[in-house]
Amino acid sequence: MRVFVIFDLPTLTSNERKDYRKFRQFLMKTGFIMMQESVYSKLCLNATAAKVVSENVKRHKPDNGLVELLIVTEKQYANIEYIVGNPGSEYIANTDRLVVL
């Protein structure tokens, strides 16, 4: 399963910029990978783990702005079609990963 977090947060005041940085740092510290600006994804072992991740994101959401969650299966994720550009090579984008618990 993949959990996507898509967000659009205001950054007009210093407090809003602080909330933006804090939320973005939370995502990175909890294992989310930036796919593009304001779109992050995380690989989860199953639907239960994805639900836990989703609840964790809900607890850390900022007060203002828009934060959306999308959970898809690996099979659905594999159907991503790149129209312009190439997929990033920072991480392995298939299910052949080694997961050590």
C-alpha atoms as a PDB file:
ATOM      1  CA  MET A   1       0.000   0.000   0.000  1.00  0.00           C
ATOM      2  CA  ARG A   2       1.060   3.576  -0.596  1.00  0.00           C
ATOM      3  CA  VAL A   3      -0.128   6.567   1.372  1.00  0.00           C
ATOM      4  CA  PHE A   4      -0.032   9.870  -0.474  1.00  0.00           C
ATOM      5  CA  VAL A   5      -0.201  13.204   1.330  1.00  0.00           C
ATOM      6  CA  ILE A   6      -1.069  16.114  -0.937  1.00  0.00           C
ATOM      7  CA  PHE A   7      -1.159  19.533   0.670  1.00  0.00           C
ATOM      8  CA  ASP A   8      -1.510  23.229  -0.019  1.00  0.00           C
ATOM      9  CA  LEU A   9      -0.647  25.298   3.031  1.00  0.00           C
ATOM     10  CA  PRO A  10      -0.642  29.086   3.369  1.00  0.00           C
ATOM     11  CA  THR A  11       2.751  30.749   3.915  1.00  0.00           C
ATOM     12  CA  LEU A  12       1.847  34.425   4.231  1.00  0.00           C
ATOM     13  CA  THR A  13       2.696  34.972   7.903  1.00  0.00           C
ATOM     14  CA  SER A  14       5.656  33.770   9.932  1.00  0.00           C
ATOM     15  CA  ASN A  15       3.410  31.427  11.956  1.00  0.00           C
ATOM     16  CA  GLU A  16       2.024  29.871   8.745  1.00  0.00           C
ATOM     17  CA  ARG A  17       5.566  29.351   7.406  1.00  0.00           C
ATOM     18  CA  LYS A  18       6.527  27.746  10.722  1.00  0.00           C
ATOM     19  CA  ASP A  19       3.516  25.398  10.525  1.00  0.00           C
ATOM     20  CA  TYR A  20       4.445  24.514   6.914  1.00  0.00           C
ATOM     21  CA  ARG A  21       8.049  23.681   7.859  1.00  0.00           C
ATOM     22  CA  LYS A  22       6.936  21.704  10.912  1.00  0.00           C
ATOM     23  CA  PHE A  23       4.445  19.613   8.889  1.00  0.00           C
ATOM     24  CA  ARG A  24       6.953  18.981   6.084  1.00  0.00           C
ATOM     25  CA  GLN A  25       9.637  17.937   8.595  1.00  0.00           C
ATOM     26  CA  PHE A  26       7.129  15.609  10.283  1.00  0.00           C
ATOM     27  CA  LEU A  27       6.453  13.916   6.928  1.00  0.00           C
ATOM     28  CA  MET A  28      10.152  13.440   6.174  1.00  0.00           C
ATOM     29  CA  LYS A  29      10.972  12.171   9.681  1.00  0.00           C
ATOM     30  CA  THR A  30       8.206   9.569   9.476  1.00  0.00           C
ATOM     31  CA  GLY A  31       9.464   8.117   6.196  1.00  0.00           C
ATOM     32  CA  PHE A  32       7.558  10.003   3.513  1.00  0.00           C
ATOM     33  CA  ILE A  33       9.368  10.641   0.239  1.00  0.00           C
ATOM     34  CA  MET A  34       8.757  13.794  -1.771  1.00  0.00           C
ATOM     35  CA  MET A  35       7.430  12.920  -5.224  1.00  0.00           C
ATOM     36  CA  GLN A  36       7.067  16.553  -6.207  1.00  0.00           C
ATOM     37  CA  GLU A  37       6.445  19.789  -4.363  1.00  0.00           C
ATOM     38  CA  SER A  38       3.675  19.290  -1.785  1.00  0.00           C
ATOM     39  CA  VAL A  39       3.141  15.632  -2.794  1.00  0.00           C
ATOM     40  CA  TYR A  40       4.659  12.990  -0.513  1.00  0.00           C
ATOM     41  CA  SER A  41       4.283   9.217  -0.459  1.00  0.00           C
ATOM     42  CA  LYS A  42       5.097   6.410   1.940  1.00  0.00           C
ATOM     43  CA  LEU A  43       5.189   2.653   1.430  1.00  0.00           C
ATOM     44  CA  CYS A  44       3.191   0.615   3.971  1.00  0.00           C
ATOM     45  CA  LEU A  45       3.114  -3.151   4.428  1.00  0.00           C
ATOM     46  CA  ASN A  46      -0.675  -3.508   4.540  1.00  0.00           C
ATOM     47  CA  ALA A  47      -3.965  -1.639   4.944  1.00  0.00           C
ATOM     48  CA  THR A  48      -3.697  -1.667   8.742  1.00  0.00           C
ATOM     49  CA  ALA A  49      -0.299   0.038   8.651  1.00  0.00           C
ATOM     50  CA  ALA A  50      -1.630   2.533   6.092  1.00  0.00           C
ATOM     51  CA  LYS A  51      -4.506   3.385   8.430  1.00  0.00           C
ATOM     52  CA  VAL A  52      -2.077   3.973  11.312  1.00  0.00           C
ATOM     53  CA  VAL A  53       0.026   6.269   9.105  1.00  0.00           C
ATOM     54  CA  SER A  54      -3.104   8.106   8.002  1.00  0.00           C
ATOM     55  CA  GLU A  55      -4.229   8.659  11.615  1.00  0.00           C
ATOM     56  CA  ASN A  56      -0.736   9.898  12.499  1.00  0.00           C
ATOM     57  CA  VAL A  57      -0.852  12.461   9.664  1.00  0.00           C
ATOM     58  CA  LYS A  58      -4.301  13.605  10.834  1.00  0.00           C
ATOM     59  CA  ARG A  59      -2.923  14.200  14.343  1.00  0.00           C
ATOM     60  CA  HIS A  60      -0.068  16.359  12.986  1.00  0.00           C
ATOM     61  CA  LYS A  61      -1.983  18.388  10.420  1.00  0.00           C
ATOM     62  CA  PRO A  62      -1.645  22.175  10.557  1.00  0.00           C
ATOM     63  CA  ASP A  63      -4.625  24.316  11.544  1.00  0.00           C
ATOM     64  CA  ASN A  64      -4.929  26.106   8.182  1.00  0.00           C
ATOM     65  CA  GLY A  65      -4.687  25.002   4.566  1.00  0.00           C
ATOM     66  CA  LEU A  66      -5.629  21.870   2.696  1.00  0.00           C
ATOM     67  CA  VAL A  67      -4.204  18.399   3.452  1.00  0.00           C
ATOM     68  CA  GLU A  68      -5.470  15.376   1.507  1.00  0.00           C
ATOM     69  CA  LEU A  69      -4.710  11.666   1.974  1.00  0.00           C
ATOM     70  CA  LEU A  70      -4.899   9.003  -0.708  1.00  0.00           C
ATOM     71  CA  ILE A  71      -4.227   5.299  -0.119  1.00  0.00           C
ATOM     72  CA  VAL A  72      -3.568   3.077  -3.135  1.00  0.00           C
ATOM     73  CA  THR A  73      -2.331  -0.477  -3.620  1.00  0.00           C
ATOM     74  CA  GLU A  74       1.067  -1.235  -5.124  1.00  0.00           C
ATOM     75  CA  LYS A  75      -0.664  -2.559  -8.242  1.00  0.00           C
ATOM     76  CA  GLN A  76      -2.485   0.747  -8.682  1.00  0.00           C
ATOM     77  CA  TYR A  77       0.734   2.665  -7.978  1.00  0.00           C
ATOM     78  CA  ALA A  78       2.573   0.650 -10.635  1.00  0.00           C
ATOM     79  CA  ASN A  79       0.161   2.051 -13.235  1.00  0.00           C
ATOM     80  CA  ILE A  80       1.503   5.594 -12.888  1.00  0.00           C
ATOM     81  CA  GLU A  81       2.043   6.978 -16.352  1.00  0.00           C
ATOM     82  CA  TYR A  82       4.797   9.573 -16.784  1.00  0.00           C
ATOM     83  CA  ILE A  83       3.663  12.002 -19.463  1.00  0.00           C
ATOM     84  CA  VAL A  84       6.485  14.528 -19.100  1.00  0.00           C
ATOM     85  CA  GLY A  85       9.779  13.820 -17.372  1.00  0.00           C
ATOM     86  CA  ASN A  86      11.210  10.618 -15.962  1.00  0.00           C
ATOM     87  CA  PRO A  87      10.669   8.820 -12.672  1.00  0.00           C
ATOM     88  CA  GLY A  88      13.192   9.691  -9.971  1.00  0.00           C
ATOM     89  CA  SER A  89      15.964   7.240  -9.184  1.00  0.00           C
ATOM     90  CA  GLU A  90      16.334   8.079  -5.473  1.00  0.00           C
ATOM     91  CA  TYR A  91      14.369   5.029  -4.382  1.00  0.00           C
ATOM     92  CA  ILE A  92      13.236   1.696  -5.739  1.00  0.00           C
ATOM     93  CA  ALA A  93       9.733   2.033  -7.193  1.00  0.00           C
ATOM     94  CA  ASN A  94       8.737  -1.617  -7.152  1.00  0.00           C
ATOM     95  CA  THR A  95       7.903  -4.338  -4.668  1.00  0.00           C
ATOM     96  CA  ASP A  96      11.381  -5.930  -4.709  1.00  0.00           C
ATOM     97  CA  ARG A  97      12.473  -3.970  -1.642  1.00  0.00           C
ATOM     98  CA  LEU A  98      14.036  -5.532   1.405  1.00  0.00           C
ATOM     99  CA  VAL A  99      12.049  -4.599   4.491  1.00  0.00           C
ATOM    100  CA  VAL A 100      13.804  -5.178   7.796  1.00  0.00           C
ATOM    101  CA  LEU A 101      11.648  -4.943  10.908  1.00  0.00           C
END
